[in-house]
Amino acid sequence: MIVPTPLPTTRLGRSGPPATRIGLGLAALGRPSYITVGHAADVGPDRSVAAVREHAHAVLDAAFAAGVRYFDAARSYGLAEDFLAGWLDERDIAPGAVTVGSKWGYRYTADWRDDAETHEVKELSGAMLRRQLPETREHLGDHLSLYQIHSATLDSGVLDDADVLDQLTALRDGGVAIGLSATGPDQAATIEHAIAVGAFDTVQATWNLHEPSAGAALQRAHDAGMGVIVKEAVANGRLTGQAAPAALQQVADAHATSADAVAIAAALAQPWADVVLSGASTPPMLTSNLAALHVPPEATRDPRLVALAEPAADYWSARSRLPWT
């Protein structure tokens, strides 16, 4: 029996499901490779499906024991939905005891190979939604609380696709909240358009100390009643451990905590942020991430952190060059 401990909770927007302030994203847990700095060492040499499943379940156990109640997956995260579903079943966790979000719009194409030339392929079409929603339902069933467009952009046209919007509206009428995730240097414009469309309960976007450009748009989304989920708060590992900028580490040292805890605390401190995702790929990493809840407010206001911001185009260019390991 896992004995949980309390974690601060919130609600994802005016009409969305409840969630804990820190959630667990499964991008690095459902497949053998990901673009997180140091991922290969975190996962270890055994990349078999059985080993990766066991590894994922260990992190899920640690998260649940720590009180985390929001879990975020996607069809393209390898076997993440399958691993999560198996864990929920094996731990006898009833629907409603946790909030589960997933996403559609990408296909996982690496075939469990570390050296695959392409790991995922994007298709934000009504046909893809029609194909992937039943797949998600097959795995997650009544646990599914939130279904999101994966990495929506203005140029994809998905936010104005009547077929997609009709399908999502039907899903919402059936009791599942609907949202979108945004990506790239034009995140703010995508978020603004989603607000104007008015069809979404939540928005998930990248915000971190290197890439804060979507902050004002996320505030407007929050003001419009949308729940806001922050992804990549540690910039795919660039704001953690040995990769952390000297200024961030200095702030962390001054408050006897870790660089990743300060980075996540900075995201939690944003007035519009409802949930900040941990992308932890090991239980100790999760423990370090959760220390963000105890970082004093003055640490997140340190002017040295503001100076870490990069031009959005530079940030996304650097992210695109991160290797899959």
Protein backbone atom coordinates (compact mmCIF):
# COMPACT_ATOMS: atom_id res chain seq x y z
CA MET A 1 0.00 0.00 0.00
CA ILE A 2 1.37 3.41 -0.99
CA VAL A 3 0.71 6.00 1.72
CA PRO A 4 0.43 9.43 0.08
CA THR A 5 1.43 12.74 1.60
CA PRO A 6 -0.43 16.02 0.95
CA LEU A 7 0.58 18.20 -1.99
CA PRO A 8 -0.95 21.59 -2.83
CA THR A 9 -3.89 21.29 -5.21
CA THR A 10 -5.65 23.53 -7.70
CA ARG A 11 -8.25 23.31 -10.45
CA LEU A 12 -7.38 23.49 -14.13
CA GLY A 13 -9.38 26.55 -15.10
CA ARG A 14 -12.96 27.42 -14.27
CA SER A 15 -14.42 24.15 -15.48
CA GLY A 16 -11.45 21.77 -15.69
CA PRO A 17 -10.47 18.89 -13.42
CA PRO A 18 -8.55 19.16 -10.13
CA ALA A 19 -4.78 18.70 -10.11
CA THR A 20 -1.77 19.03 -7.87
CA ARG A 21 0.44 22.09 -8.34
CA ILE A 22 3.25 19.81 -9.51
CA GLY A 23 2.43 17.05 -11.97
CA LEU A 24 4.50 14.35 -13.61
CA GLY A 25 5.08 14.42 -17.37
CA LEU A 26 5.88 11.07 -18.97
CA ALA A 27 7.77 12.26 -22.05
CA ALA A 28 11.04 10.76 -20.77
CA LEU A 29 9.48 7.66 -19.20
CA GLY A 30 7.59 5.95 -22.00
CA ARG A 31 10.38 5.37 -24.52
CA PRO A 32 14.08 4.46 -24.43
CA SER A 33 15.34 7.85 -25.68
CA TYR A 34 14.48 11.48 -25.09
CA ILE A 35 16.08 14.92 -25.47
CA THR A 36 16.61 15.53 -21.76
CA VAL A 37 20.24 16.27 -20.88
CA GLY A 38 21.68 13.16 -19.19
CA HIS A 39 18.74 10.93 -20.10
CA ALA A 40 20.92 7.98 -21.13
CA ALA A 41 22.59 7.82 -17.72
CA ASP A 42 19.23 8.19 -15.96
CA VAL A 43 17.63 5.26 -17.78
CA GLY A 44 20.70 3.01 -17.73
CA PRO A 45 21.98 0.48 -20.26
CA ASP A 46 18.97 -1.87 -20.28
CA ARG A 47 16.53 -0.27 -22.73
CA SER A 48 14.22 -3.26 -23.11
CA VAL A 49 10.51 -2.61 -22.89
CA ALA A 50 10.33 -4.53 -19.61
CA ALA A 51 13.16 -2.54 -18.07
CA VAL A 52 11.80 0.84 -19.18
CA ARG A 53 8.35 -0.13 -17.89
CA GLU A 54 9.79 -1.08 -14.51
CA HIS A 55 11.74 2.18 -14.43
CA ALA A 56 8.61 4.20 -15.27
CA HIS A 57 6.59 2.43 -12.61
CA ALA A 58 9.25 3.22 -10.00
CA VAL A 59 8.99 6.93 -10.81
CA LEU A 60 5.19 6.78 -10.81
CA ASP A 61 5.28 5.07 -7.40
CA ALA A 62 7.57 7.78 -6.05
CA ALA A 63 5.33 10.51 -7.46
CA PHE A 64 2.15 9.03 -6.01
CA ALA A 65 3.80 8.50 -2.64
CA ALA A 66 4.85 12.15 -2.67
CA GLY A 67 1.29 13.25 -3.31
CA VAL A 68 1.44 13.98 -7.05
CA ARG A 69 -2.02 13.58 -8.56
CA TYR A 70 -1.64 14.92 -12.10
CA PHE A 71 -0.02 12.70 -14.76
CA ASP A 72 0.57 13.89 -18.33
CA ALA A 73 1.11 11.52 -21.26
CA ALA A 74 0.77 11.53 -25.06
CA ARG A 75 0.24 9.08 -27.88
CA SER A 76 3.76 9.82 -29.12
CA TYR A 77 5.53 9.14 -25.82
CA GLY A 78 6.33 5.58 -26.86
CA LEU A 79 4.45 3.26 -24.48
CA ALA A 80 3.71 5.95 -21.88
CA GLU A 81 -0.07 5.50 -21.99
CA ASP A 82 0.37 1.73 -21.74
CA PHE A 83 2.82 2.01 -18.84
CA LEU A 84 0.56 4.47 -17.03
CA ALA A 85 -2.51 2.32 -17.57
CA GLY A 86 -0.72 -0.77 -16.27
CA TRP A 87 0.48 1.11 -13.21
CA LEU A 88 -3.01 2.45 -12.44
CA ASP A 89 -4.41 -1.07 -12.72
CA GLU A 90 -1.68 -2.81 -10.73
CA ARG A 91 -1.89 -0.23 -7.92
CA ASP A 92 -5.71 -0.43 -7.96
CA ILE A 93 -6.07 3.34 -8.41
CA ALA A 94 -9.68 4.15 -9.19
CA PRO A 95 -10.78 6.67 -11.84
CA GLY A 96 -11.00 10.09 -10.23
CA ALA A 97 -8.31 9.35 -7.65
CA VAL A 98 -5.78 10.98 -9.99
CA THR A 99 -6.15 13.39 -12.90
CA VAL A 100 -4.76 12.04 -16.18
CA GLY A 101 -4.09 14.17 -19.24
CA SER A 102 -2.92 12.93 -22.62
CA LYS A 103 -2.38 14.37 -26.08
CA TRP A 104 -2.99 13.49 -29.70
CA GLY A 105 -1.35 14.65 -32.92
CA TYR A 106 2.03 12.86 -33.05
CA ARG A 107 2.85 9.25 -33.88
CA TYR A 108 5.79 7.49 -32.23
CA THR A 109 7.93 6.17 -35.10
CA ALA A 110 11.26 5.13 -33.53
CA ASP A 111 10.27 1.47 -33.07
CA TRP A 112 12.09 1.43 -29.70
CA ARG A 113 15.43 2.29 -31.31
CA ASP A 114 17.83 4.82 -29.80
CA ASP A 115 19.39 5.52 -33.18
CA ALA A 116 16.17 6.14 -35.11
CA GLU A 117 16.41 8.96 -37.62
CA THR A 118 12.90 10.17 -36.70
CA HIS A 119 11.32 9.55 -33.30
CA GLU A 120 7.89 11.06 -33.87
CA VAL A 121 5.82 12.44 -36.73
CA LYS A 122 3.26 15.24 -36.37
CA GLU A 123 -0.18 15.24 -38.00
CA LEU A 124 -2.78 17.58 -36.51
CA SER A 125 -5.73 16.43 -38.59
CA GLY A 126 -9.26 15.30 -37.89
CA ALA A 127 -8.32 11.87 -39.22
CA MET A 128 -5.45 11.59 -36.73
CA LEU A 129 -7.70 12.59 -33.84
CA ARG A 130 -10.30 10.06 -34.99
CA ARG A 131 -7.59 7.36 -34.99
CA GLN A 132 -5.74 8.28 -31.79
CA LEU A 133 -8.59 9.05 -29.40
CA PRO A 134 -9.82 5.43 -29.39
CA GLU A 135 -6.23 4.28 -28.84
CA THR A 136 -5.94 6.55 -25.81
CA ARG A 137 -9.35 5.42 -24.57
CA GLU A 138 -8.28 1.78 -24.93
CA HIS A 139 -5.37 2.39 -22.58
CA LEU A 140 -6.68 4.99 -20.14
CA GLY A 141 -10.44 4.45 -20.22
CA ASP A 142 -12.30 6.35 -17.51
CA HIS A 143 -9.02 7.68 -16.08
CA LEU A 144 -8.76 10.18 -18.95
CA SER A 145 -9.64 13.63 -17.60
CA LEU A 146 -8.01 15.95 -20.15
CA TYR A 147 -7.24 15.50 -23.86
CA GLN A 148 -4.95 18.02 -25.54
CA ILE A 149 -3.86 18.94 -29.05
CA HIS A 150 -0.13 18.15 -29.07
CA SER A 151 2.05 21.14 -30.00
CA ALA A 152 -0.52 23.28 -31.77
CA THR A 153 0.83 26.08 -33.95
CA LEU A 154 -0.87 28.77 -35.98
CA ASP A 155 0.50 27.46 -39.27
CA SER A 156 -0.95 23.98 -38.62
CA GLY A 157 -4.48 25.40 -38.85
CA VAL A 158 -5.67 22.93 -36.19
CA LEU A 159 -7.27 25.61 -34.01
CA ASP A 160 -9.65 26.49 -36.86
CA ASP A 161 -10.29 22.95 -38.10
CA ALA A 162 -14.07 22.43 -37.82
CA ASP A 163 -13.70 18.62 -37.87
CA VAL A 164 -11.21 18.68 -35.00
CA LEU A 165 -13.24 21.18 -32.97
CA ASP A 166 -16.44 19.19 -33.44
CA GLN A 167 -14.76 16.00 -32.24
CA LEU A 168 -13.25 17.75 -29.23
CA THR A 169 -16.56 19.38 -28.35
CA ALA A 170 -18.22 15.95 -28.37
CA LEU A 171 -15.47 14.67 -26.10
CA ARG A 172 -16.00 17.58 -23.72
CA ASP A 173 -19.76 16.93 -23.73
CA GLY A 174 -18.87 13.43 -22.54
CA GLY A 175 -17.07 14.81 -19.49
CA VAL A 176 -13.44 15.05 -20.65
CA ALA A 177 -11.82 18.50 -20.56
CA ILE A 178 -10.08 19.60 -23.75
CA GLY A 179 -6.92 21.64 -24.19
CA LEU A 180 -3.90 22.33 -26.31
CA SER A 181 -0.17 22.42 -25.86
CA ALA A 182 1.88 25.10 -27.61
CA THR A 183 5.42 25.02 -28.90
CA GLY A 184 8.07 27.11 -30.64
CA PRO A 185 9.06 30.78 -30.61
CA ASP A 186 5.51 31.82 -31.59
CA GLN A 187 3.81 30.15 -28.60
CA ALA A 188 2.26 33.44 -27.53
CA ALA A 189 0.45 33.93 -30.84
CA THR A 190 -0.90 30.36 -30.69
CA ILE A 191 -2.16 30.90 -27.16
CA GLU A 192 -3.81 34.20 -28.09
CA HIS A 193 -5.62 32.51 -30.98
CA ALA A 194 -6.77 29.66 -28.73
CA ILE A 195 -8.23 32.23 -26.33
CA ALA A 196 -10.11 33.85 -29.23
CA VAL A 197 -11.46 30.49 -30.42
CA GLY A 198 -12.85 29.95 -26.92
CA ALA A 199 -13.14 26.17 -27.20
CA PHE A 200 -10.47 25.06 -24.73
CA ASP A 201 -10.39 24.38 -21.01
CA THR A 202 -6.59 24.35 -20.67
CA VAL A 203 -3.36 25.38 -22.31
CA GLN A 204 0.05 23.78 -21.79
CA ALA A 205 3.12 25.75 -22.79
CA THR A 206 6.86 25.96 -22.29
CA TRP A 207 7.90 28.55 -19.73
CA ASN A 208 11.24 28.56 -17.99
CA LEU A 209 14.04 30.91 -16.95
CA HIS A 210 15.60 30.65 -20.40
CA GLU A 211 12.29 30.96 -22.32
CA PRO A 212 9.70 33.19 -20.56
CA SER A 213 8.25 34.75 -23.72
CA ALA A 214 4.76 33.19 -23.40
CA GLY A 215 4.17 34.61 -19.92
CA ALA A 216 1.89 37.52 -20.86
CA ALA A 217 -0.22 35.32 -23.16
CA LEU A 218 -0.53 32.69 -20.43
CA GLN A 219 -1.73 35.38 -18.04
CA ARG A 220 -4.44 36.31 -20.53
CA ALA A 221 -5.39 32.64 -20.93
CA HIS A 222 -5.67 32.32 -17.17
CA ASP A 223 -7.76 35.49 -16.99
CA ALA A 224 -10.05 34.00 -19.65
CA GLY A 225 -10.70 30.99 -17.41
CA MET A 226 -8.30 28.48 -18.94
CA GLY A 227 -6.16 26.25 -16.78
CA VAL A 228 -2.44 26.71 -17.39
CA ILE A 229 0.04 23.83 -17.33
CA VAL A 230 3.77 24.62 -17.58
CA LYS A 231 6.02 22.15 -19.38
CA GLU A 232 9.81 22.11 -19.69
CA ALA A 233 10.33 24.22 -16.57
CA VAL A 234 13.91 22.97 -16.37
CA ALA A 235 14.53 23.43 -20.12
CA ASN A 236 15.07 19.72 -20.88
CA GLY A 237 17.76 19.54 -18.21
CA ARG A 238 19.61 22.74 -19.12
CA LEU A 239 18.55 24.22 -15.75
CA THR A 240 19.63 21.24 -13.66
CA GLY A 241 22.78 19.76 -12.17
CA GLN A 242 26.06 20.37 -13.93
CA ALA A 243 24.29 21.94 -16.92
CA ALA A 244 22.78 24.71 -14.78
CA PRO A 245 24.04 28.26 -15.43
CA ALA A 246 26.37 29.58 -12.74
CA ALA A 247 23.91 32.30 -11.69
CA LEU A 248 21.13 29.78 -11.11
CA GLN A 249 23.42 27.54 -9.09
CA GLN A 250 24.51 30.52 -7.00
CA VAL A 251 20.90 31.32 -6.14
CA ALA A 252 20.25 27.67 -5.30
CA ASP A 253 23.34 27.48 -3.09
CA ALA A 254 22.31 30.63 -1.27
CA HIS A 255 19.05 28.94 -0.28
CA ALA A 256 20.47 25.46 0.35
CA THR A 257 18.52 23.84 -2.47
CA SER A 258 19.03 22.56 -6.02
CA ALA A 259 19.08 24.43 -9.32
CA ASP A 260 16.10 22.47 -10.63
CA ALA A 261 14.08 23.25 -7.51
CA VAL A 262 14.67 26.99 -8.01
CA ALA A 263 13.77 26.74 -11.71
CA ILE A 264 10.51 24.94 -10.95
CA ALA A 265 9.75 27.30 -8.06
CA ALA A 266 10.17 30.22 -10.47
CA ALA A 267 7.48 28.70 -12.69
CA LEU A 268 5.19 27.98 -9.73
CA ALA A 269 5.58 31.62 -8.65
CA GLN A 270 3.96 32.90 -11.84
CA PRO A 271 0.45 34.10 -10.92
CA TRP A 272 -1.07 32.34 -13.93
CA ALA A 273 0.58 28.93 -13.40
CA ASP A 274 -1.80 26.24 -12.14
CA VAL A 275 0.33 23.12 -12.64
CA VAL A 276 4.05 22.81 -13.34
CA LEU A 277 5.19 19.49 -14.76
CA SER A 278 8.19 17.61 -13.47
CA GLY A 279 9.83 15.66 -16.26
CA ALA A 280 11.77 13.56 -13.77
CA SER A 281 13.17 10.30 -15.09
CA THR A 282 14.35 8.93 -11.72
CA PRO A 283 12.89 8.99 -8.18
CA PRO A 284 15.79 11.10 -6.79
CA MET A 285 15.27 13.61 -9.61
CA LEU A 286 11.59 13.80 -8.70
CA THR A 287 12.45 14.41 -5.04
CA SER A 288 14.75 17.24 -6.08
CA ASN A 289 12.03 18.72 -8.32
CA LEU A 290 9.45 18.58 -5.52
CA ALA A 291 11.77 20.59 -3.28
CA ALA A 292 10.52 23.55 -5.37
CA LEU A 293 7.53 23.68 -3.03
CA HIS A 294 9.86 24.73 -0.21
CA VAL A 295 11.97 27.31 -2.06
CA PRO A 296 11.42 30.71 -0.41
CA PRO A 297 9.68 33.36 -2.55
CA GLU A 298 12.66 35.70 -2.40
CA ALA A 299 14.77 33.14 -4.26
CA THR A 300 12.44 33.21 -7.26
CA ARG A 301 12.65 37.03 -7.32
CA ASP A 302 16.45 37.14 -7.45
CA PRO A 303 17.46 39.47 -10.33
CA ARG A 304 20.15 37.03 -11.40
CA LEU A 305 17.39 34.71 -12.62
CA VAL A 306 15.85 37.34 -14.91
CA ALA A 307 19.20 37.66 -16.68
CA LEU A 308 18.99 34.00 -17.76
CA ALA A 309 16.30 34.72 -20.37
CA GLU A 310 17.28 34.06 -23.99
CA PRO A 311 15.69 35.31 -27.22
CA ALA A 312 12.90 32.87 -27.99
CA ALA A 313 14.28 32.00 -31.42
CA ASP A 314 17.68 31.18 -29.91
CA TYR A 315 16.13 29.02 -27.22
CA TRP A 316 14.07 26.95 -29.64
CA SER A 317 16.99 26.61 -32.02
CA ALA A 318 19.13 25.22 -29.19
CA ARG A 319 16.32 22.89 -28.13
CA SER A 320 16.05 21.49 -31.66
CA ARG A 321 19.72 20.49 -31.51
CA LEU A 322 19.45 18.46 -28.31
CA PRO A 323 20.31 14.82 -29.05
CA TRP A 324 17.99 11.90 -28.38
CA THR A 325 19.82 9.73 -25.84
